[in-house]
Amino acid sequence: MCDTCGCNVTPANEHLVESVDVLKSLLDANDRQAAHNREHFARHGALAINLMSSPGAGKTALLEATIDALGETLKIAVIEGDLETENDAQRIRDKGVPAVQISTGSACHLDAHMVHSALHDLAVDGVDVVFIENVGNLVCPASFDLGQHLNVALLSTPEGHDKPAKYPVMFRAADLVVISKADLLDVLDDFDPDYAEGCLRQLASSAPVARVSARNGDGMDAWLDWLRERLDTLRGEDVAAGAV
């Protein structure tokens, strides 16, 4: 898929690849930029959350519902990642929230340098939460630190309950797993949320699991409470460290 993240290197061909050192250098440079991004968010007291999922799992819909619920109490900004179009960023702007679109072209994930560039066009003064909506992909986004504080992985009910077992890197990296489109659970009775959580626990992950429907609001309270708690924790840590 792409040379940037090395996903064209497989166990079958890695002995033929001479660019492993180059790949390590790229990842090291990414991590340095991510640390700089994280310092930027910390200086402004903004909680940065990386949203990851497959395409169509409902990341943008969850953001829209979150803005509707919290727009009067928290200031939100969004960085959108897609291969092409500004469709999702425009949906966010239509809610009155600033959004910067990153068009990655052929890249299957965001990286810290892309986020850094987006921050030149996104004012975070006074912002409480910056959501980074990653490119829809269950593989590569989990391998790149963007400077975020937390990862949230969405698992939509139409995808199947075995995805945490099939894509362990993504779900192991998650600080919260949201089972999205939960209003379909009564219709798609072959999706077992308990099975999905069991797969997550087999990855030695203690991340909480929330069942959320952005469409009808079921489970939104748990998601919003989690956000508020994480923001309070970050602000408390920053005060203790003298960052704000």
C-alpha atoms as a PDB file:
ATOM      1  CA  MET A   1       0.000   0.000   0.000  1.00  0.00           C
ATOM      2  CA  CYS A   2       2.538   2.669   0.963  1.00  0.00           C
ATOM      3  CA  ASP A   3       6.256   3.025   1.469  1.00  0.00           C
ATOM      4  CA  THR A   4       5.744   5.570   4.246  1.00  0.00           C
ATOM      5  CA  CYS A   5       4.483   3.136   6.854  1.00  0.00           C
ATOM      6  CA  GLY A   6       6.101   0.003   5.452  1.00  0.00           C
ATOM      7  CA  CYS A   7       2.866  -1.866   4.860  1.00  0.00           C
ATOM      8  CA  ASN A   8       4.293  -3.101   1.568  1.00  0.00           C
ATOM      9  CA  VAL A   9       6.804  -5.076   3.636  1.00  0.00           C
ATOM     10  CA  THR A  10       5.414  -8.513   4.506  1.00  0.00           C
ATOM     11  CA  PRO A  11       6.865 -11.524   6.348  1.00  0.00           C
ATOM     12  CA  ALA A  12       7.237 -13.189   2.957  1.00  0.00           C
ATOM     13  CA  ASN A  13       9.296 -10.449   1.341  1.00  0.00           C
ATOM     14  CA  GLU A  14      11.076  -8.707   4.191  1.00  0.00           C
ATOM     15  CA  HIS A  15      14.320 -10.569   3.484  1.00  0.00           C
ATOM     16  CA  LEU A  16      14.379  -8.846   0.093  1.00  0.00           C
ATOM     17  CA  VAL A  17      13.831  -5.350   1.450  1.00  0.00           C
ATOM     18  CA  GLU A  18      16.795  -3.053   1.934  1.00  0.00           C
ATOM     19  CA  SER A  19      14.805  -0.119   3.328  1.00  0.00           C
ATOM     20  CA  VAL A  20      14.296  -1.283   6.921  1.00  0.00           C
ATOM     21  CA  ASP A  21      16.753   1.327   8.206  1.00  0.00           C
ATOM     22  CA  VAL A  22      14.979   3.983   6.168  1.00  0.00           C
ATOM     23  CA  LEU A  23      11.628   2.914   7.612  1.00  0.00           C
ATOM     24  CA  LYS A  24      13.019   3.065  11.157  1.00  0.00           C
ATOM     25  CA  SER A  25      14.361   6.542  10.445  1.00  0.00           C
ATOM     26  CA  LEU A  26      10.950   7.660   9.187  1.00  0.00           C
ATOM     27  CA  LEU A  27       9.222   6.322  12.291  1.00  0.00           C
ATOM     28  CA  ASP A  28      11.799   7.944  14.572  1.00  0.00           C
ATOM     29  CA  ALA A  29      11.259  11.277  12.818  1.00  0.00           C
ATOM     30  CA  ASN A  30       7.501  10.818  13.150  1.00  0.00           C
ATOM     31  CA  ASP A  31       7.822  10.184  16.881  1.00  0.00           C
ATOM     32  CA  ARG A  32       9.901  13.341  17.345  1.00  0.00           C
ATOM     33  CA  GLN A  33       7.281  15.391  15.525  1.00  0.00           C
ATOM     34  CA  ALA A  34       4.524  13.714  17.545  1.00  0.00           C
ATOM     35  CA  ALA A  35       6.237  14.763  20.769  1.00  0.00           C
ATOM     36  CA  HIS A  36       6.322  18.338  19.474  1.00  0.00           C
ATOM     37  CA  ASN A  37       2.593  18.153  18.628  1.00  0.00           C
ATOM     38  CA  ARG A  38       1.812  16.826  22.084  1.00  0.00           C
ATOM     39  CA  GLU A  39       3.703  19.713  23.671  1.00  0.00           C
ATOM     40  CA  HIS A  40       1.687  22.110  21.510  1.00  0.00           C
ATOM     41  CA  PHE A  41      -1.599  20.620  22.716  1.00  0.00           C
ATOM     42  CA  ALA A  42      -0.355  20.696  26.318  1.00  0.00           C
ATOM     43  CA  ARG A  43       0.593  24.384  26.118  1.00  0.00           C
ATOM     44  CA  HIS A  44      -2.960  25.157  25.077  1.00  0.00           C
ATOM     45  CA  GLY A  45      -4.582  22.776  27.574  1.00  0.00           C
ATOM     46  CA  ALA A  46      -6.319  20.889  24.750  1.00  0.00           C
ATOM     47  CA  LEU A  47      -7.103  17.183  24.924  1.00  0.00           C
ATOM     48  CA  ALA A  48      -6.166  15.511  21.619  1.00  0.00           C
ATOM     49  CA  ILE A  49      -8.044  12.358  20.655  1.00  0.00           C
ATOM     50  CA  ASN A  50      -7.221  10.153  17.685  1.00  0.00           C
ATOM     51  CA  LEU A  51     -10.359   8.516  16.244  1.00  0.00           C
ATOM     52  CA  MET A  52      -9.631   5.318  14.316  1.00  0.00           C
ATOM     53  CA  SER A  53     -11.871   2.841  12.516  1.00  0.00           C
ATOM     54  CA  SER A  54     -12.610   1.216   9.205  1.00  0.00           C
ATOM     55  CA  PRO A  55     -14.266   3.397   6.542  1.00  0.00           C
ATOM     56  CA  GLY A  56     -17.928   4.049   7.248  1.00  0.00           C
ATOM     57  CA  ALA A  57     -17.860   3.028  10.907  1.00  0.00           C
ATOM     58  CA  GLY A  58     -19.407   6.336  11.961  1.00  0.00           C
ATOM     59  CA  LYS A  59     -16.531   8.525  13.153  1.00  0.00           C
ATOM     60  CA  THR A  60     -17.923  11.720  11.642  1.00  0.00           C
ATOM     61  CA  ALA A  61     -21.455  10.934  12.803  1.00  0.00           C
ATOM     62  CA  LEU A  62     -20.133  10.439  16.339  1.00  0.00           C
ATOM     63  CA  LEU A  63     -18.370  13.804  16.126  1.00  0.00           C
ATOM     64  CA  GLU A  64     -21.553  15.510  14.922  1.00  0.00           C
ATOM     65  CA  ALA A  65     -23.545  14.045  17.816  1.00  0.00           C
ATOM     66  CA  THR A  66     -20.780  15.019  20.246  1.00  0.00           C
ATOM     67  CA  ILE A  67     -20.773  18.598  18.983  1.00  0.00           C
ATOM     68  CA  ASP A  68     -24.556  18.751  19.351  1.00  0.00           C
ATOM     69  CA  ALA A  69     -24.279  17.517  22.939  1.00  0.00           C
ATOM     70  CA  LEU A  70     -21.228  19.473  24.118  1.00  0.00           C
ATOM     71  CA  GLY A  71     -21.059  22.486  21.835  1.00  0.00           C
ATOM     72  CA  GLU A  72     -22.454  24.804  24.492  1.00  0.00           C
ATOM     73  CA  THR A  73     -20.085  23.654  27.241  1.00  0.00           C
ATOM     74  CA  LEU A  74     -16.825  22.669  25.536  1.00  0.00           C
ATOM     75  CA  LYS A  75     -14.955  24.207  22.630  1.00  0.00           C
ATOM     76  CA  ILE A  76     -14.136  21.587  20.005  1.00  0.00           C
ATOM     77  CA  ALA A  77     -11.878  21.608  16.941  1.00  0.00           C
ATOM     78  CA  VAL A  78     -11.376  18.842  14.406  1.00  0.00           C
ATOM     79  CA  ILE A  79      -8.645  17.634  12.062  1.00  0.00           C
ATOM     80  CA  GLU A  80     -10.079  15.419   9.331  1.00  0.00           C
ATOM     81  CA  GLY A  81      -8.068  12.847   7.396  1.00  0.00           C
ATOM     82  CA  ASP A  82      -9.182  11.325   4.088  1.00  0.00           C
ATOM     83  CA  LEU A  83      -7.542  10.382   0.837  1.00  0.00           C
ATOM     84  CA  GLU A  84      -9.629  12.957  -1.046  1.00  0.00           C
ATOM     85  CA  THR A  85     -12.543  15.443  -0.668  1.00  0.00           C
ATOM     86  CA  GLU A  86     -13.471  17.837   2.129  1.00  0.00           C
ATOM     87  CA  ASN A  87     -16.822  16.141   2.707  1.00  0.00           C
ATOM     88  CA  ASP A  88     -16.299  15.245   6.365  1.00  0.00           C
ATOM     89  CA  ALA A  89     -14.631  18.545   7.257  1.00  0.00           C
ATOM     90  CA  GLN A  90     -17.575  20.400   5.734  1.00  0.00           C
ATOM     91  CA  ARG A  91     -20.014  18.360   7.822  1.00  0.00           C
ATOM     92  CA  ILE A  92     -18.142  19.514  10.927  1.00  0.00           C
ATOM     93  CA  ARG A  93     -18.000  23.136   9.770  1.00  0.00           C
ATOM     94  CA  ASP A  94     -21.732  23.026   9.167  1.00  0.00           C
ATOM     95  CA  LYS A  95     -22.019  22.447  12.931  1.00  0.00           C
ATOM     96  CA  GLY A  96     -20.154  25.686  13.594  1.00  0.00           C
ATOM     97  CA  VAL A  97     -16.923  23.951  14.608  1.00  0.00           C
ATOM     98  CA  PRO A  98     -13.530  24.696  12.997  1.00  0.00           C
ATOM     99  CA  ALA A  99     -12.215  21.800  10.936  1.00  0.00           C
ATOM    100  CA  VAL A 100      -9.094  21.387   8.819  1.00  0.00           C
ATOM    101  CA  GLN A 101      -9.060  18.741   6.111  1.00  0.00           C
ATOM    102  CA  ILE A 102      -5.927  16.717   5.412  1.00  0.00           C
ATOM    103  CA  SER A 103      -6.070  15.042   1.998  1.00  0.00           C
ATOM    104  CA  THR A 104      -3.467  12.281   2.078  1.00  0.00           C
ATOM    105  CA  GLY A 105      -3.633  11.316  -1.592  1.00  0.00           C
ATOM    106  CA  SER A 106      -2.606   7.660  -1.569  1.00  0.00           C
ATOM    107  CA  ALA A 107      -1.428   7.450   2.049  1.00  0.00           C
ATOM    108  CA  CYS A 108      -3.584   5.128   4.154  1.00  0.00           C
ATOM    109  CA  HIS A 109      -3.067   6.962   7.465  1.00  0.00           C
ATOM    110  CA  LEU A 110      -2.209  10.283   9.017  1.00  0.00           C
ATOM    111  CA  ASP A 111       1.234  10.947  10.430  1.00  0.00           C
ATOM    112  CA  ALA A 112       2.580  13.478  12.895  1.00  0.00           C
ATOM    113  CA  HIS A 113       3.958  15.758  10.168  1.00  0.00           C
ATOM    114  CA  MET A 114       0.532  16.011   8.521  1.00  0.00           C
ATOM    115  CA  VAL A 115      -1.044  16.906  11.857  1.00  0.00           C
ATOM    116  CA  HIS A 116       1.675  19.496  12.501  1.00  0.00           C
ATOM    117  CA  SER A 117       0.927  21.129   9.144  1.00  0.00           C
ATOM    118  CA  ALA A 118      -2.802  21.144   9.910  1.00  0.00           C
ATOM    119  CA  LEU A 119      -2.155  22.884  13.215  1.00  0.00           C
ATOM    120  CA  HIS A 120      -0.809  25.888  11.301  1.00  0.00           C
ATOM    121  CA  ASP A 121      -4.368  26.376  10.040  1.00  0.00           C
ATOM    122  CA  LEU A 122      -6.209  25.426  13.218  1.00  0.00           C
ATOM    123  CA  ALA A 123      -6.250  27.820  16.161  1.00  0.00           C
ATOM    124  CA  VAL A 124      -6.383  25.855  19.404  1.00  0.00           C
ATOM    125  CA  ASP A 125      -6.377  28.797  21.811  1.00  0.00           C
ATOM    126  CA  GLY A 126      -9.198  28.137  24.249  1.00  0.00           C
ATOM    127  CA  VAL A 127     -10.041  24.795  22.633  1.00  0.00           C
ATOM    128  CA  ASP A 128     -10.915  22.010  25.057  1.00  0.00           C
ATOM    129  CA  VAL A 129     -10.829  18.976  22.766  1.00  0.00           C
ATOM    130  CA  VAL A 130      -9.131  18.449  19.399  1.00  0.00           C
ATOM    131  CA  PHE A 131     -10.432  15.403  17.584  1.00  0.00           C
ATOM    132  CA  ILE A 132      -8.188  13.914  14.913  1.00  0.00           C
ATOM    133  CA  GLU A 133     -10.314  11.766  12.630  1.00  0.00           C
ATOM    134  CA  ASN A 134      -7.862   9.380  11.035  1.00  0.00           C
ATOM    135  CA  VAL A 135      -8.145   7.823   7.589  1.00  0.00           C
ATOM    136  CA  GLY A 136     -10.557   4.886   7.550  1.00  0.00           C
ATOM    137  CA  ASN A 137      -8.253   1.887   7.926  1.00  0.00           C
ATOM    138  CA  LEU A 138      -7.948  -0.812  10.591  1.00  0.00           C
ATOM    139  CA  VAL A 139      -4.222  -1.387  10.081  1.00  0.00           C
ATOM    140  CA  CYS A 140      -1.787   1.501   9.574  1.00  0.00           C
ATOM    141  CA  PRO A 141      -3.197   4.347  11.718  1.00  0.00           C
ATOM    142  CA  ALA A 142      -2.457   2.459  14.931  1.00  0.00           C
ATOM    143  CA  SER A 143       1.274   2.421  14.158  1.00  0.00           C
ATOM    144  CA  PHE A 144       1.752   6.187  13.933  1.00  0.00           C
ATOM    145  CA  ASP A 145       1.869   8.494  16.932  1.00  0.00           C
ATOM    146  CA  LEU A 146       0.267  11.813  16.010  1.00  0.00           C
ATOM    147  CA  GLY A 147       0.889  13.564  19.305  1.00  0.00           C
ATOM    148  CA  GLN A 148      -2.539  12.607  20.622  1.00  0.00           C
ATOM    149  CA  HIS A 149      -3.258  11.906  24.263  1.00  0.00           C
ATOM    150  CA  LEU A 150      -5.735   9.095  23.666  1.00  0.00           C
ATOM    151  CA  ASN A 151      -6.849   6.655  20.984  1.00  0.00           C
ATOM    152  CA  VAL A 152     -10.494   5.771  20.419  1.00  0.00           C
ATOM    153  CA  ALA A 153     -11.293   2.857  18.112  1.00  0.00           C
ATOM    154  CA  LEU A 154     -14.760   2.459  16.632  1.00  0.00           C
ATOM    155  CA  LEU A 155     -16.166  -0.964  15.826  1.00  0.00           C
ATOM    156  CA  SER A 156     -19.463  -0.705  13.967  1.00  0.00           C
ATOM    157  CA  THR A 157     -22.030  -3.461  14.291  1.00  0.00           C
ATOM    158  CA  PRO A 158     -22.184  -4.231  10.532  1.00  0.00           C
ATOM    159  CA  GLU A 159     -18.462  -5.076  10.549  1.00  0.00           C
ATOM    160  CA  GLY A 160     -18.707  -8.208  12.675  1.00  0.00           C
ATOM    161  CA  HIS A 161     -17.789  -8.887  16.271  1.00  0.00           C
ATOM    162  CA  ASP A 162     -14.462 -10.594  15.525  1.00  0.00           C
ATOM    163  CA  LYS A 163     -12.606  -7.506  14.306  1.00  0.00           C
ATOM    164  CA  PRO A 164     -10.573  -7.014  17.523  1.00  0.00           C
ATOM    165  CA  ALA A 165      -9.149 -10.501  17.024  1.00  0.00           C
ATOM    166  CA  LYS A 166      -8.435  -9.905  13.323  1.00  0.00           C
ATOM    167  CA  TYR A 167      -6.901  -6.448  13.786  1.00  0.00           C
ATOM    168  CA  PRO A 168      -5.167  -6.668  17.173  1.00  0.00           C
ATOM    169  CA  VAL A 169      -2.735  -3.772  16.699  1.00  0.00           C
ATOM    170  CA  MET A 170      -5.567  -1.280  16.238  1.00  0.00           C
ATOM    171  CA  PHE A 171      -7.650  -2.454  19.164  1.00  0.00           C
ATOM    172  CA  ARG A 172      -4.711  -3.046  21.491  1.00  0.00           C
ATOM    173  CA  ALA A 173      -3.756   0.614  21.009  1.00  0.00           C
ATOM    174  CA  ALA A 174      -7.235   1.843  21.955  1.00  0.00           C
ATOM    175  CA  ASP A 175      -7.914   3.621  25.230  1.00  0.00           C
ATOM    176  CA  LEU A 176     -11.635   3.251  24.542  1.00  0.00           C
ATOM    177  CA  VAL A 177     -13.537   1.033  22.117  1.00  0.00           C
ATOM    178  CA  VAL A 178     -16.864   2.355  20.878  1.00  0.00           C
ATOM    179  CA  ILE A 179     -19.287  -0.142  19.410  1.00  0.00           C
ATOM    180  CA  SER A 180     -20.915   2.269  16.987  1.00  0.00           C
ATOM    181  CA  LYS A 181     -24.278   2.044  15.222  1.00  0.00           C
ATOM    182  CA  ALA A 182     -25.521   0.247  18.316  1.00  0.00           C
ATOM    183  CA  ASP A 183     -29.112   0.940  17.245  1.00  0.00           C
ATOM    184  CA  LEU A 184     -28.588  -1.908  14.742  1.00  0.00           C
ATOM    185  CA  LEU A 185     -27.821  -4.517  17.386  1.00  0.00           C
ATOM    186  CA  ASP A 186     -31.448  -5.654  17.497  1.00  0.00           C
ATOM    187  CA  VAL A 187     -31.429  -6.082  13.720  1.00  0.00           C
ATOM    188  CA  LEU A 188     -27.963  -7.570  13.243  1.00  0.00           C
ATOM    189  CA  ASP A 189     -28.380 -10.295  15.820  1.00  0.00           C
ATOM    190  CA  ASP A 190     -25.218 -12.061  14.646  1.00  0.00           C
ATOM    191  CA  PHE A 191     -23.137  -9.295  16.268  1.00  0.00           C
ATOM    192  CA  ASP A 192     -22.443 -10.234  19.880  1.00  0.00           C
ATOM    193  CA  PRO A 193     -21.014  -7.284  21.851  1.00  0.00           C
ATOM    194  CA  ASP A 194     -19.852  -9.609  24.617  1.00  0.00           C
ATOM    195  CA  TYR A 195     -17.901 -11.667  22.078  1.00  0.00           C
ATOM    196  CA  ALA A 196     -16.274  -8.499  20.726  1.00  0.00           C
ATOM    197  CA  GLU A 197     -15.282  -7.472  24.240  1.00  0.00           C
ATOM    198  CA  GLY A 198     -13.954 -10.967  24.897  1.00  0.00           C
ATOM    199  CA  CYS A 199     -11.697 -10.643  21.848  1.00  0.00           C
ATOM    200  CA  LEU A 200     -10.472  -7.325  23.227  1.00  0.00           C
ATOM    201  CA  ARG A 201      -9.675  -8.828  26.619  1.00  0.00           C
ATOM    202  CA  GLN A 202      -7.699 -11.609  24.942  1.00  0.00           C
ATOM    203  CA  LEU A 203      -5.398  -8.853  23.699  1.00  0.00           C
ATOM    204  CA  ALA A 204      -4.658  -7.996  27.352  1.00  0.00           C
ATOM    205  CA  SER A 205      -6.525  -4.730  26.877  1.00  0.00           C
ATOM    206  CA  SER A 206      -8.410  -3.217  29.793  1.00  0.00           C
ATOM    207  CA  ALA A 207      -9.930  -0.458  27.637  1.00  0.00           C
ATOM    208  CA  PRO A 208     -13.574   0.230  28.440  1.00  0.00           C
ATOM    209  CA  VAL A 209     -16.188  -0.607  25.811  1.00  0.00           C
ATOM    210  CA  ALA A 210     -19.136   1.704  25.118  1.00  0.00           C
ATOM    211  CA  ARG A 211     -22.147   0.856  22.976  1.00  0.00           C
ATOM    212  CA  VAL A 212     -23.179   4.052  21.233  1.00  0.00           C
ATOM    213  CA  SER A 213     -25.708   5.118  18.645  1.00  0.00           C
ATOM    214  CA  ALA A 214     -25.033   8.553  17.212  1.00  0.00           C
ATOM    215  CA  ARG A 215     -28.365   8.268  15.413  1.00  0.00           C
ATOM    216  CA  ASN A 216     -30.720   7.872  18.389  1.00  0.00           C
ATOM    217  CA  GLY A 217     -28.437   8.902  21.261  1.00  0.00           C
ATOM    218  CA  ASP A 218     -28.285   5.567  23.068  1.00  0.00           C
ATOM    219  CA  GLY A 219     -25.022   5.295  24.982  1.00  0.00           C
ATOM    220  CA  MET A 220     -23.984   8.879  24.300  1.00  0.00           C
ATOM    221  CA  ASP A 221     -23.966   9.750  27.996  1.00  0.00           C
ATOM    222  CA  ALA A 222     -21.283   7.153  28.691  1.00  0.00           C
ATOM    223  CA  TRP A 223     -19.164   8.471  25.828  1.00  0.00           C
ATOM    224  CA  LEU A 224     -19.562  12.082  26.921  1.00  0.00           C
ATOM    225  CA  ASP A 225     -18.772  11.242  30.559  1.00  0.00           C
ATOM    226  CA  TRP A 226     -15.604   9.481  29.425  1.00  0.00           C
ATOM    227  CA  LEU A 227     -14.564  12.568  27.454  1.00  0.00           C
ATOM    228  CA  ARG A 228     -15.181  14.914  30.380  1.00  0.00           C
ATOM    229  CA  GLU A 229     -13.270  12.665  32.775  1.00  0.00           C
ATOM    230  CA  ARG A 230     -10.282  12.431  30.416  1.00  0.00           C
ATOM    231  CA  LEU A 231     -10.249  16.216  29.986  1.00  0.00           C
ATOM    232  CA  ASP A 232     -10.408  16.760  33.762  1.00  0.00           C
ATOM    233  CA  THR A 233      -7.550  14.292  34.217  1.00  0.00           C
ATOM    234  CA  LEU A 234      -5.417  16.047  31.602  1.00  0.00           C
ATOM    235  CA  ARG A 235      -6.058  19.464  33.087  1.00  0.00           C
ATOM    236  CA  GLY A 236      -5.202  18.164  36.540  1.00  0.00           C
ATOM    237  CA  GLU A 237      -1.937  16.657  35.288  1.00  0.00           C
ATOM    238  CA  ASP A 238      -1.025  19.883  33.476  1.00  0.00           C
ATOM    239  CA  VAL A 239      -1.661  21.979  36.573  1.00  0.00           C
ATOM    240  CA  ALA A 240       0.459  19.641  38.680  1.00  0.00           C
ATOM    241  CA  ALA A 241       3.262  19.869  36.107  1.00  0.00           C
ATOM    242  CA  GLY A 242       2.938  23.637  35.801  1.00  0.00           C
ATOM    243  CA  ALA A 243       1.990  23.440  32.111  1.00  0.00           C
ATOM    244  CA  VAL A 244      -1.090  25.628  32.445  1.00  0.00           C
END
